[in-house]
Amino acid sequence: MIKFYHKLLIILTTITVVSFLILGFIVHNSIYTISVEHQKKELQKHAQQIISLHHNHNDRRIQSLAETYESN
């Protein structure tokens, strides 16, 4: 038979482990969401830059940007 304080210790340990797992999930999800939003904004900024260069018929600059993105 398990004594009362052993049961209490098991319950508290379980609650602590589950709480840390939930906290880790929330932090991971928040970081992922923030990084995805940042990447979307960066890609839209680059796309707008390329579109404006295309409208200005600046093909040489577009080619140099493509080479830069390819090397990165």
C-alpha atoms as a PDB file:
ATOM      1  CA  MET A   1       0.000   0.000   0.000  1.00  0.00           C
ATOM      2  CA  ILE A   2       1.334   3.427  -0.937  1.00  0.00           C
ATOM      3  CA  LYS A   3       1.459   5.908   1.901  1.00  0.00           C
ATOM      4  CA  PHE A   4      -0.337   9.213   1.666  1.00  0.00           C
ATOM      5  CA  TYR A   5       2.782  11.343   1.202  1.00  0.00           C
ATOM      6  CA  HIS A   6       3.986   9.048  -1.606  1.00  0.00           C
ATOM      7  CA  LYS A   7       0.646   9.500  -3.379  1.00  0.00           C
ATOM      8  CA  LEU A   8       0.902  13.241  -2.853  1.00  0.00           C
ATOM      9  CA  LEU A   9       4.456  13.278  -4.202  1.00  0.00           C
ATOM     10  CA  ILE A  10       3.410  11.328  -7.318  1.00  0.00           C
ATOM     11  CA  ILE A  11       0.471  13.671  -7.937  1.00  0.00           C
ATOM     12  CA  LEU A  12       2.584  16.801  -7.488  1.00  0.00           C
ATOM     13  CA  THR A  13       5.321  15.420  -9.738  1.00  0.00           C
ATOM     14  CA  THR A  14       2.772  14.565 -12.413  1.00  0.00           C
ATOM     15  CA  ILE A  15       1.212  18.027 -12.214  1.00  0.00           C
ATOM     16  CA  THR A  16       4.651  19.657 -12.446  1.00  0.00           C
ATOM     17  CA  VAL A  17       5.711  17.590 -15.470  1.00  0.00           C
ATOM     18  CA  VAL A  18       2.424  18.199 -17.297  1.00  0.00           C
ATOM     19  CA  SER A  19       2.627  21.926 -16.519  1.00  0.00           C
ATOM     20  CA  PHE A  20       6.134  22.147 -17.994  1.00  0.00           C
ATOM     21  CA  LEU A  21       5.016  20.237 -21.083  1.00  0.00           C
ATOM     22  CA  ILE A  22       2.104  22.633 -21.596  1.00  0.00           C
ATOM     23  CA  LEU A  23       4.364  25.638 -21.008  1.00  0.00           C
ATOM     24  CA  GLY A  24       6.862  24.285 -23.541  1.00  0.00           C
ATOM     25  CA  PHE A  25       4.104  23.814 -26.103  1.00  0.00           C
ATOM     26  CA  ILE A  26       2.851  27.378 -25.604  1.00  0.00           C
ATOM     27  CA  VAL A  27       6.339  28.897 -25.841  1.00  0.00           C
ATOM     28  CA  HIS A  28       7.191  26.812 -28.921  1.00  0.00           C
ATOM     29  CA  ASN A  29       3.940  27.777 -30.628  1.00  0.00           C
ATOM     30  CA  SER A  30       4.470  31.475 -29.844  1.00  0.00           C
ATOM     31  CA  ILE A  31       8.019  31.486 -31.207  1.00  0.00           C
ATOM     32  CA  TYR A  32       6.908  29.617 -34.331  1.00  0.00           C
ATOM     33  CA  THR A  33       4.043  32.048 -34.974  1.00  0.00           C
ATOM     34  CA  ILE A  34       6.266  35.104 -34.521  1.00  0.00           C
ATOM     35  CA  SER A  35       8.987  33.734 -36.800  1.00  0.00           C
ATOM     36  CA  VAL A  36       6.493  32.793 -39.530  1.00  0.00           C
ATOM     37  CA  GLU A  37       4.937  36.272 -39.436  1.00  0.00           C
ATOM     38  CA  HIS A  38       8.382  37.864 -39.658  1.00  0.00           C
ATOM     39  CA  GLN A  39       9.304  35.687 -42.638  1.00  0.00           C
ATOM     40  CA  LYS A  40       6.045  36.583 -44.392  1.00  0.00           C
ATOM     41  CA  LYS A  41       6.726  40.302 -43.947  1.00  0.00           C
ATOM     42  CA  GLU A  42      10.289  39.912 -45.237  1.00  0.00           C
ATOM     43  CA  LEU A  43       9.154  37.961 -48.289  1.00  0.00           C
ATOM     44  CA  GLN A  44       6.458  40.514 -49.086  1.00  0.00           C
ATOM     45  CA  LYS A  45       8.992  43.322 -48.797  1.00  0.00           C
ATOM     46  CA  HIS A  46      11.361  41.531 -51.186  1.00  0.00           C
ATOM     47  CA  ALA A  47       8.518  40.761 -53.590  1.00  0.00           C
ATOM     48  CA  GLN A  48       7.407  44.408 -53.637  1.00  0.00           C
ATOM     49  CA  GLN A  49      10.981  45.463 -54.345  1.00  0.00           C
ATOM     50  CA  ILE A  50      11.274  43.041 -57.261  1.00  0.00           C
ATOM     51  CA  ILE A  51       7.885  44.091 -58.666  1.00  0.00           C
ATOM     52  CA  SER A  52       8.828  47.767 -58.528  1.00  0.00           C
ATOM     53  CA  LEU A  53      12.123  46.996 -60.266  1.00  0.00           C
ATOM     54  CA  HIS A  54      10.231  45.079 -62.945  1.00  0.00           C
ATOM     55  CA  HIS A  55       7.868  48.008 -63.526  1.00  0.00           C
ATOM     56  CA  ASN A  56      10.887  50.294 -63.899  1.00  0.00           C
ATOM     57  CA  HIS A  57      12.453  47.865 -66.426  1.00  0.00           C
ATOM     58  CA  ASN A  58      15.533  47.431 -64.253  1.00  0.00           C
ATOM     59  CA  ASP A  59      16.354  43.862 -65.296  1.00  0.00           C
ATOM     60  CA  ARG A  60      20.026  44.084 -64.407  1.00  0.00           C
ATOM     61  CA  ARG A  61      19.205  44.891 -60.762  1.00  0.00           C
ATOM     62  CA  ILE A  62      16.666  42.043 -60.661  1.00  0.00           C
ATOM     63  CA  GLN A  63      19.336  39.661 -61.926  1.00  0.00           C
ATOM     64  CA  SER A  64      21.800  40.807 -59.255  1.00  0.00           C
ATOM     65  CA  LEU A  65      19.129  40.363 -56.561  1.00  0.00           C
ATOM     66  CA  ALA A  66      18.401  36.861 -57.854  1.00  0.00           C
ATOM     67  CA  GLU A  67      22.089  35.996 -57.633  1.00  0.00           C
ATOM     68  CA  THR A  68      22.232  37.390 -54.098  1.00  0.00           C
ATOM     69  CA  TYR A  69      19.203  35.350 -52.996  1.00  0.00           C
ATOM     70  CA  GLU A  70      20.616  32.251 -54.662  1.00  0.00           C
ATOM     71  CA  SER A  71      23.904  32.549 -52.788  1.00  0.00           C
ATOM     72  CA  ASN A  72      22.128  33.062 -49.465  1.00  0.00           C
END
